[in-house]
Protein backbone atom coordinates (compact mmCIF):
# COMPACT_ATOMS: atom_id res chain seq x y z
CA MET A 1 0.17 -0.33 0.15
CA SER A 2 0.94 3.49 -0.56
CA THR A 3 -0.92 5.18 1.83
CA ASP A 4 0.33 5.07 5.54
CA PRO A 5 -2.70 3.90 7.25
CA LYS A 6 -1.35 5.84 10.84
CA HIS A 7 -1.31 9.17 9.17
CA GLY A 8 -2.99 9.38 5.65
CA ALA A 9 0.53 10.20 4.29
CA VAL A 10 1.29 9.28 0.46
CA GLN A 11 4.61 7.23 0.55
CA ARG A 12 7.04 8.19 -1.32
CA ASP A 13 6.74 5.23 -3.70
CA ALA A 14 2.86 5.97 -4.67
CA THR A 15 1.88 6.07 -8.22
CA SER A 16 0.55 9.52 -9.81
CA GLN A 17 -3.03 7.89 -9.53
CA GLU A 18 -2.59 7.25 -6.02
CA ILE A 19 -1.18 10.68 -5.27
CA TYR A 20 -3.71 12.53 -6.65
CA ASP A 21 -6.97 10.13 -5.33
CA ALA A 22 -5.44 10.94 -1.52
CA GLY A 23 -5.15 14.44 -3.09
CA MET A 24 -8.56 14.78 -3.77
CA ALA A 25 -9.80 12.68 -0.67
CA VAL A 26 -7.58 15.68 1.07
CA ARG A 27 -9.27 18.39 -1.20
CA ARG A 28 -12.51 16.98 -0.58
CA GLU A 29 -12.28 16.77 3.13
CA VAL A 30 -10.84 20.53 3.68
CA LEU A 31 -12.60 21.91 1.31
CA GLY A 32 -16.28 20.67 0.84
CA ASP A 33 -17.40 18.60 -1.64
CA ALA A 34 -19.15 21.51 -3.02
CA HIS A 35 -16.20 23.42 -3.56
CA VAL A 36 -14.44 20.66 -5.56
CA ASP A 37 -17.51 19.84 -7.87
CA ARG A 38 -17.84 23.45 -8.51
CA ALA A 39 -13.74 23.13 -9.35
CA ASN A 40 -13.88 20.31 -11.37
CA ALA A 41 -17.32 21.62 -13.05
CA ASN A 42 -15.48 24.32 -14.73
CA LYS A 43 -12.51 22.52 -15.79
CA ASP A 44 -11.89 22.88 -19.64
CA GLU A 45 -8.64 21.77 -21.79
CA PHE A 46 -7.15 25.03 -20.69
CA THR A 47 -7.54 24.59 -16.29
CA ASP A 48 -7.56 21.19 -16.32
CA ASP A 49 -3.65 20.73 -15.98
CA PHE A 50 -3.59 23.05 -13.25
CA GLN A 51 -6.60 21.73 -10.98
CA ASP A 52 -4.71 18.84 -11.91
CA MET A 53 -1.13 19.81 -10.38
CA ILE A 54 -2.92 21.35 -7.29
CA THR A 55 -4.72 18.12 -6.77
CA ARG A 56 -1.68 16.27 -6.56
CA ILE A 57 1.27 18.72 -5.93
CA ALA A 58 -0.64 21.05 -2.78
CA TRP A 59 -3.47 18.27 -2.13
CA GLY A 60 -0.83 15.08 -2.57
CA GLY A 61 2.10 15.86 -1.93
CA ILE A 62 2.21 18.91 1.16
CA TRP A 63 -1.24 18.27 2.67
CA THR A 64 -0.70 14.62 3.16
CA ARG A 65 2.44 14.59 4.24
CA PRO A 66 2.45 13.77 8.56
CA GLY A 67 4.73 16.85 9.45
CA ILE A 68 2.11 18.85 10.80
CA ASP A 69 -1.75 18.51 11.20
CA ARG A 70 -3.95 20.37 9.68
CA ARG A 71 -4.99 23.09 11.99
CA MET A 72 -1.42 24.10 11.38
CA ARG A 73 -1.23 23.27 8.10
CA SER A 74 -4.45 25.94 7.58
CA ALA A 75 -2.67 28.70 10.26
CA VAL A 76 0.64 28.75 7.88
CA THR A 77 -1.94 29.14 4.86
CA ILE A 78 -4.52 31.66 6.55
CA THR A 79 -0.85 33.91 7.23
CA ALA A 80 0.30 32.82 3.14
CA MET A 81 -2.68 34.14 2.21
CA VAL A 82 -2.46 37.28 4.12
CA ALA A 83 0.61 38.07 3.67
CA HIS A 84 0.35 37.90 -0.33
CA GLY A 85 -3.03 39.49 -0.42
CA HIS A 86 -4.91 35.98 -1.65
CA TRP A 87 -8.44 37.50 -0.45
CA GLU A 88 -10.36 35.00 -1.96
CA GLU A 89 -8.11 32.24 -1.42
CA LEU A 90 -8.14 33.47 2.47
CA ALA A 91 -11.87 32.99 2.95
CA MET A 92 -11.87 29.60 0.94
CA HIS A 93 -8.77 28.57 3.93
CA ILE A 94 -10.81 30.67 6.88
CA ARG A 95 -14.25 28.10 6.06
CA ALA A 96 -11.18 25.40 5.78
CA ALA A 97 -9.69 26.28 9.02
CA LEU A 98 -12.70 25.69 10.96
CA THR A 99 -13.37 22.31 8.88
CA ASN A 100 -10.07 21.55 10.30
CA GLY A 101 -10.84 22.59 13.85
CA LEU A 102 -9.48 25.70 14.53
CA SER A 103 -11.62 28.32 16.74
CA ARG A 104 -13.10 31.54 15.50
CA ASP A 105 -10.78 32.91 18.20
CA GLU A 106 -7.73 31.39 16.74
CA ILE A 107 -8.36 33.02 13.36
CA LYS A 108 -8.13 35.94 15.18
CA GLU A 109 -5.26 35.23 16.98
CA ILE A 110 -4.06 34.78 13.86
CA LEU A 111 -4.69 37.64 11.77
CA LEU A 112 -3.61 39.43 15.14
CA GLN A 113 -0.27 37.68 14.72
CA THR A 114 0.13 38.57 10.78
CA ALA A 115 -0.88 42.41 11.34
CA ILE A 116 2.89 42.05 12.97
CA TYR A 117 4.67 40.45 10.32
CA CYS A 118 2.29 41.04 7.23
CA GLY A 119 1.45 44.61 7.57
CA VAL A 120 -2.30 46.57 9.33
CA PRO A 121 -3.53 47.46 5.85
CA SER A 122 -2.89 43.41 5.06
CA ALA A 123 -4.85 42.50 8.24
CA ASN A 124 -7.42 45.26 8.11
CA THR A 125 -8.89 43.56 5.11
CA ALA A 126 -7.82 39.68 6.01
CA PHE A 127 -10.20 40.71 9.44
CA LYS A 128 -13.25 42.16 6.96
CA THR A 129 -12.56 38.71 5.05
CA ALA A 130 -13.04 36.64 7.77
CA GLN A 131 -15.95 38.70 9.34
CA GLY A 132 -17.51 38.24 5.95
CA VAL A 133 -17.46 34.59 6.39
CA PHE A 134 -18.24 34.03 10.03
CA ALA A 135 -21.46 36.66 8.93
CA GLU A 136 -22.03 34.45 5.82
CA LEU A 137 -21.58 31.16 7.49
CA ASP A 138 -23.99 32.60 10.36
CA ARG A 139 -26.99 32.99 8.07
CA ALA A 140 -26.69 29.84 6.43
CA ALA A 141 -27.36 28.61 10.18
CA ARG A 142 -29.81 30.25 11.23
CA GLN A 143 -31.56 29.18 7.75
CA PRO A 144 -34.01 26.42 7.87
CA GLU A 145 -33.64 23.19 6.12
């Protein structure tokens, strides 16, 4: 078997398909089926290679590694999104961080940390982004099913 059952990590001798499959599984667990289904539905000849690459390399090669847990990976990813000003990706990864077990208070602390190391203007936008994500989630939670 090419995945480590204890950690879910893809081993170095995994086939490209096994890495892709493991990446797709983690991607779905972290981002949710709806997000991944939308991304796959929007694939075309131009974007197919990119979607394949991020599934294999980011999700199958990095997010499956055993060295740090998904909570820590989410914290690092949020910081990177703030540092580079990737606001749509930040919103997506704030949702993912909640899925991965970070609390809103922990996300707030991460964003406060980014104010010092990434700059106050970036953190200001990050707080507005997180506030919007939380408001959207709260509205959805209040909706009757």
